C-alpha atoms as a PDB file:
ATOM      1  CA  MET A   1     -48.968  48.036 -53.537  1.00  0.00           C
ATOM      2  CA  LEU A   2     -51.709  50.137 -51.979  1.00  0.00           C
ATOM      3  CA  HIS A   3     -49.563  53.247 -52.147  1.00  0.00           C
ATOM      4  CA  ALA A   4     -48.768  52.636 -55.825  1.00  0.00           C
ATOM      5  CA  PHE A   5     -52.445  52.017 -56.539  1.00  0.00           C
ATOM      6  CA  THR A   6     -53.434  55.219 -54.739  1.00  0.00           C
ATOM      7  CA  VAL A   7     -50.878  57.331 -56.583  1.00  0.00           C
ATOM      8  CA  ASN A   8     -51.793  55.890 -59.985  1.00  0.00           C
ATOM      9  CA  SER A   9     -55.562  55.794 -59.570  1.00  0.00           C
ATOM     10  CA  GLY A  10     -56.252  59.060 -57.821  1.00  0.00           C
ATOM     11  CA  TRP A  11     -58.319  57.180 -55.249  1.00  0.00           C
ATOM     12  CA  SER A  12     -57.723  57.536 -51.556  1.00  0.00           C
ATOM     13  CA  THR A  13     -56.548  54.710 -49.333  1.00  0.00           C
ATOM     14  CA  VAL A  14     -56.697  54.564 -45.567  1.00  0.00           C
ATOM     15  CA  VAL A  15     -54.860  51.711 -43.887  1.00  0.00           C
ATOM     16  CA  LEU A  16     -55.792  50.891 -40.304  1.00  0.00           C
ATOM     17  CA  ARG A  17     -53.432  48.673 -38.314  1.00  0.00           C
ATOM     18  CA  PRO A  18     -55.456  47.477 -35.323  1.00  0.00           C
ATOM     19  CA  THR A  19     -53.949  46.102 -32.157  1.00  0.00           C
ATOM     20  CA  ASN A  20     -55.311  42.991 -30.445  1.00  0.00           C
ATOM     21  CA  VAL A  21     -59.012  43.098 -31.294  1.00  0.00           C
ATOM     22  CA  TYR A  22     -61.405  41.285 -28.967  1.00  0.00           C
ATOM     23  CA  GLY A  23     -65.130  41.139 -28.301  1.00  0.00           C
ATOM     24  CA  PRO A  24     -68.364  39.280 -28.931  1.00  0.00           C
ATOM     25  CA  GLY A  25     -68.161  36.935 -31.894  1.00  0.00           C
ATOM     26  CA  GLN A  26     -64.527  35.995 -31.325  1.00  0.00           C
ATOM     27  CA  LEU A  27     -64.236  32.264 -30.808  1.00  0.00           C
ATOM     28  CA  PRO A  28     -62.000  30.741 -28.134  1.00  0.00           C
ATOM     29  CA  ILE A  29     -59.684  28.900 -30.518  1.00  0.00           C
ATOM     30  CA  LYS A  30     -56.500  27.374 -29.106  1.00  0.00           C
ATOM     31  CA  GLY A  31     -53.451  29.452 -29.973  1.00  0.00           C
ATOM     32  CA  PHE A  32     -55.416  32.552 -30.931  1.00  0.00           C
ATOM     33  CA  ALA A  33     -57.485  35.229 -29.241  1.00  0.00           C
ATOM     34  CA  ILE A  34     -56.266  35.529 -25.664  1.00  0.00           C
ATOM     35  CA  VAL A  35     -59.402  37.158 -24.221  1.00  0.00           C
ATOM     36  CA  PRO A  36     -61.897  34.407 -25.138  1.00  0.00           C
ATOM     37  CA  THR A  37     -59.240  31.818 -24.312  1.00  0.00           C
ATOM     38  CA  ILE A  38     -58.883  33.177 -20.778  1.00  0.00           C
ATOM     39  CA  PHE A  39     -62.668  33.215 -20.417  1.00  0.00           C
ATOM     40  CA  ARG A  40     -62.897  29.626 -21.718  1.00  0.00           C
ATOM     41  CA  HIS A  41     -60.394  28.509 -19.091  1.00  0.00           C
ATOM     42  CA  LEU A  42     -62.364  30.339 -16.400  1.00  0.00           C
ATOM     43  CA  ARG A  43     -65.617  28.767 -17.566  1.00  0.00           C
ATOM     44  CA  ASP A  44     -64.088  25.291 -17.732  1.00  0.00           C
ATOM     45  CA  ARG A  45     -62.110  25.807 -14.502  1.00  0.00           C
ATOM     46  CA  SER A  46     -58.984  24.684 -16.342  1.00  0.00           C
ATOM     47  CA  VAL A  47     -55.415  25.947 -16.044  1.00  0.00           C
ATOM     48  CA  PHE A  48     -54.320  28.779 -18.341  1.00  0.00           C
ATOM     49  CA  GLU A  49     -50.715  28.639 -19.573  1.00  0.00           C
ATOM     50  CA  ILE A  50     -48.777  31.902 -19.683  1.00  0.00           C
ATOM     51  CA  TRP A  51     -45.617  32.008 -21.755  1.00  0.00           C
ATOM     52  CA  GLY A  52     -42.962  33.864 -19.772  1.00  0.00           C
ATOM     53  CA  ASP A  53     -43.598  35.692 -16.527  1.00  0.00           C
ATOM     54  CA  GLY A  54     -46.823  37.412 -17.647  1.00  0.00           C
ATOM     55  CA  SER A  55     -45.237  40.829 -18.002  1.00  0.00           C
ATOM     56  CA  VAL A  56     -45.716  41.047 -21.802  1.00  0.00           C
ATOM     57  CA  VAL A  57     -47.742  44.226 -22.442  1.00  0.00           C
ATOM     58  CA  ARG A  58     -50.300  44.708 -25.217  1.00  0.00           C
ATOM     59  CA  ASP A  59     -53.049  47.126 -26.203  1.00  0.00           C
ATOM     60  CA  TYR A  60     -56.508  45.558 -26.589  1.00  0.00           C
ATOM     61  CA  LEU A  61     -59.126  47.158 -28.867  1.00  0.00           C
ATOM     62  CA  PHE A  62     -62.831  46.356 -28.518  1.00  0.00           C
ATOM     63  CA  VAL A  63     -64.329  45.156 -31.816  1.00  0.00           C
ATOM     64  CA  ASP A  64     -67.222  47.666 -31.795  1.00  0.00           C
ATOM     65  CA  ASP A  65     -64.729  50.517 -31.403  1.00  0.00           C
ATOM     66  CA  LEU A  66     -62.761  49.246 -34.394  1.00  0.00           C
ATOM     67  CA  CYS A  67     -65.960  48.974 -36.465  1.00  0.00           C
ATOM     68  CA  ALA A  68     -66.904  52.552 -35.579  1.00  0.00           C
ATOM     69  CA  LEU A  69     -63.439  53.713 -36.577  1.00  0.00           C
ATOM     70  CA  ILE A  70     -63.631  51.860 -39.902  1.00  0.00           C
ATOM     71  CA  THR A  71     -66.975  53.522 -40.594  1.00  0.00           C
ATOM     72  CA  ARG A  72     -65.510  56.899 -39.733  1.00  0.00           C
ATOM     73  CA  ALA A  73     -62.522  56.323 -42.017  1.00  0.00           C
ATOM     74  CA  ILE A  74     -64.829  55.354 -44.882  1.00  0.00           C
ATOM     75  CA  VAL A  75     -67.145  58.367 -44.647  1.00  0.00           C
ATOM     76  CA  ASP A  76     -64.484  60.932 -43.763  1.00  0.00           C
ATOM     77  CA  GLU A  77     -62.887  63.094 -46.411  1.00  0.00           C
ATOM     78  CA  ALA A  78     -60.343  61.490 -48.706  1.00  0.00           C
ATOM     79  CA  ARG A  79     -56.800  61.575 -47.354  1.00  0.00           C
ATOM     80  CA  ALA A  80     -54.855  60.283 -50.371  1.00  0.00           C
ATOM     81  CA  TYR A  81     -52.707  57.509 -48.848  1.00  0.00           C
ATOM     82  CA  SER A  82     -52.677  57.295 -45.042  1.00  0.00           C
ATOM     83  CA  VAL A  83     -51.627  54.644 -42.542  1.00  0.00           C
ATOM     84  CA  TYR A  84     -52.782  54.684 -38.920  1.00  0.00           C
ATOM     85  CA  ASN A  85     -52.298  52.556 -35.853  1.00  0.00           C
ATOM     86  CA  ALA A  86     -55.659  51.764 -34.255  1.00  0.00           C
ATOM     87  CA  GLY A  87     -55.642  50.937 -30.565  1.00  0.00           C
ATOM     88  CA  SER A  88     -57.424  51.671 -27.331  1.00  0.00           C
ATOM     89  CA  GLY A  89     -54.586  53.751 -25.934  1.00  0.00           C
ATOM     90  CA  THR A  90     -54.504  51.577 -22.814  1.00  0.00           C
ATOM     91  CA  ALA A  91     -52.088  48.691 -22.528  1.00  0.00           C
ATOM     92  CA  VAL A  92     -51.930  45.982 -19.874  1.00  0.00           C
ATOM     93  CA  SER A  93     -49.730  43.001 -19.114  1.00  0.00           C
ATOM     94  CA  ILE A  94     -50.957  39.445 -19.538  1.00  0.00           C
ATOM     95  CA  LEU A  95     -51.170  39.127 -15.738  1.00  0.00           C
ATOM     96  CA  GLU A  96     -53.257  42.315 -15.542  1.00  0.00           C
ATOM     97  CA  LEU A  97     -55.526  41.006 -18.311  1.00  0.00           C
ATOM     98  CA  VAL A  98     -55.988  37.753 -16.395  1.00  0.00           C
ATOM     99  CA  ARG A  99     -56.909  39.724 -13.245  1.00  0.00           C
ATOM    100  CA  LEU A 100     -59.430  41.841 -15.158  1.00  0.00           C
ATOM    101  CA  CYS A 101     -61.020  38.716 -16.645  1.00  0.00           C
ATOM    102  CA  GLU A 102     -61.169  37.152 -13.162  1.00  0.00           C
ATOM    103  CA  GLN A 103     -62.935  40.276 -11.859  1.00  0.00           C
ATOM    104  CA  THR A 104     -65.387  40.148 -14.760  1.00  0.00           C
ATOM    105  CA  VAL A 105     -66.312  36.519 -14.090  1.00  0.00           C
ATOM    106  CA  GLY A 106     -65.997  36.648 -10.315  1.00  0.00           C
ATOM    107  CA  MET A 107     -63.679  33.689  -9.930  1.00  0.00           C
ATOM    108  CA  LYS A 108     -59.966  32.942  -9.752  1.00  0.00           C
ATOM    109  CA  LEU A 109     -58.133  31.456 -12.731  1.00  0.00           C
ATOM    110  CA  GLY A 110     -55.526  28.766 -12.288  1.00  0.00           C
ATOM    111  CA  THR A 111     -52.392  29.726 -14.191  1.00  0.00           C
ATOM    112  CA  THR A 112     -49.051  28.147 -14.897  1.00  0.00           C
ATOM    113  CA  LEU A 113     -45.966  29.882 -16.221  1.00  0.00           C
ATOM    114  CA  ARG A 114     -44.089  28.360 -19.155  1.00  0.00           C
ATOM    115  CA  PRO A 115     -40.685  29.425 -20.461  1.00  0.00           C
ATOM    116  CA  GLY A 116     -40.807  32.655 -22.450  1.00  0.00           C
ATOM    117  CA  ARG A 117     -40.745  32.554 -26.241  1.00  0.00           C
ATOM    118  CA  ALA A 118     -38.319  34.503 -28.398  1.00  0.00           C
ATOM    119  CA  VAL A 119     -41.190  35.706 -30.618  1.00  0.00           C
ATOM    120  CA  ASP A 120     -42.929  37.560 -27.770  1.00  0.00           C
ATOM    121  CA  VAL A 121     -41.918  41.218 -27.772  1.00  0.00           C
ATOM    122  CA  ALA A 122     -41.988  42.583 -24.199  1.00  0.00           C
ATOM    123  CA  ARG A 123     -44.030  45.684 -25.047  1.00  0.00           C
ATOM    124  CA  ALA A 124     -46.092  46.219 -28.195  1.00  0.00           C
ATOM    125  CA  ILE A 125     -47.973  49.459 -27.689  1.00  0.00           C
ATOM    126  CA  PRO A 126     -48.913  51.378 -30.828  1.00  0.00           C
ATOM    127  CA  ASN A 127     -48.691  55.133 -31.029  1.00  0.00           C
ATOM    128  CA  ILE A 128     -52.268  56.214 -31.773  1.00  0.00           C
ATOM    129  CA  GLY A 129     -51.506  59.933 -31.895  1.00  0.00           C
ATOM    130  CA  ALA A 130     -51.933  60.193 -35.671  1.00  0.00           C
ATOM    131  CA  ILE A 131     -55.384  58.588 -35.741  1.00  0.00           C
ATOM    132  CA  THR A 132     -56.504  60.603 -32.726  1.00  0.00           C
ATOM    133  CA  LYS A 133     -55.506  63.784 -34.542  1.00  0.00           C
ATOM    134  CA  ALA A 134     -56.752  62.848 -38.017  1.00  0.00           C
ATOM    135  CA  PHE A 135     -60.173  61.574 -36.953  1.00  0.00           C
ATOM    136  CA  ASP A 136     -60.573  63.189 -33.530  1.00  0.00           C
ATOM    137  CA  TRP A 137     -61.095  59.620 -32.325  1.00  0.00           C
ATOM    138  CA  ARG A 138     -60.384  57.640 -29.201  1.00  0.00           C
ATOM    139  CA  ALA A 139     -61.732  54.201 -28.403  1.00  0.00           C
ATOM    140  CA  PRO A 140     -64.718  54.824 -26.114  1.00  0.00           C
ATOM    141  CA  THR A 141     -65.011  51.329 -24.588  1.00  0.00           C
ATOM    142  CA  SER A 142     -62.909  50.684 -21.493  1.00  0.00           C
ATOM    143  CA  LEU A 143     -61.199  47.325 -21.239  1.00  0.00           C
ATOM    144  CA  ALA A 144     -63.383  46.411 -18.246  1.00  0.00           C
ATOM    145  CA  ALA A 145     -66.607  47.234 -20.152  1.00  0.00           C
ATOM    146  CA  GLY A 146     -65.434  45.380 -23.265  1.00  0.00           C
ATOM    147  CA  LEU A 147     -64.490  42.328 -21.223  1.00  0.00           C
ATOM    148  CA  ALA A 148     -67.930  42.333 -19.584  1.00  0.00           C
ATOM    149  CA  GLN A 149     -69.666  42.379 -22.985  1.00  0.00           C
ATOM    150  CA  THR A 150     -67.361  39.655 -24.287  1.00  0.00           C
ATOM    151  CA  TRP A 151     -67.959  37.439 -21.251  1.00  0.00           C
ATOM    152  CA  GLN A 152     -71.738  37.885 -21.551  1.00  0.00           C
ATOM    153  CA  TRP A 153     -71.637  36.817 -25.201  1.00  0.00           C
ATOM    154  CA  LEU A 154     -69.386  33.828 -24.539  1.00  0.00           C
ATOM    155  CA  ARG A 155     -71.446  32.727 -21.544  1.00  0.00           C
ATOM    156  CA  THR A 156     -74.669  32.685 -23.547  1.00  0.00           C
ATOM    157  CA  THR A 157     -73.162  31.301 -26.760  1.00  0.00           C
ATOM    158  CA  PHE A 158     -71.029  28.603 -25.122  1.00  0.00           C
ATOM    159  CA  PRO A 159     -72.672  27.590 -21.835  1.00  0.00           C
ATOM    160  CA  SER A 160     -70.673  25.621 -19.284  1.00  0.00           C
ATOM    161  CA  PRO A 161     -70.262  21.944 -20.125  1.00  0.00           C
END
């Protein structure tokens, strides 16, 4: 639909397909948003369930980096119809993400492994080469720095019970 609109209108359309976006403002809602969910379990000292063996790998993109990229895509020259993957370029497993969150908070998280789900693809790492080339852009926020900012926001917004 967007492509047809672009061709028929003469306007430009840039589609950004972001990976797993996280950061301040993201609520720890059950079933969604793994980063604030891990932090909620750390804060509450409750057990975090991992589906499978924790080896599922994903790319996590800090929300401020995505916002900067959106701004850049808006103000940059028209590109007719373009589609780009938007990611940090760094992917980690669920177990690695848990360890990084533990380091951020300074405490150990209790985890339990559940049977894997058929819907969980083992590795979902986008190729960000096209967006890097088109916009000379790479996500500047490291996962560790983004997690620290996210934890600070969650800690002040949702204090321990």
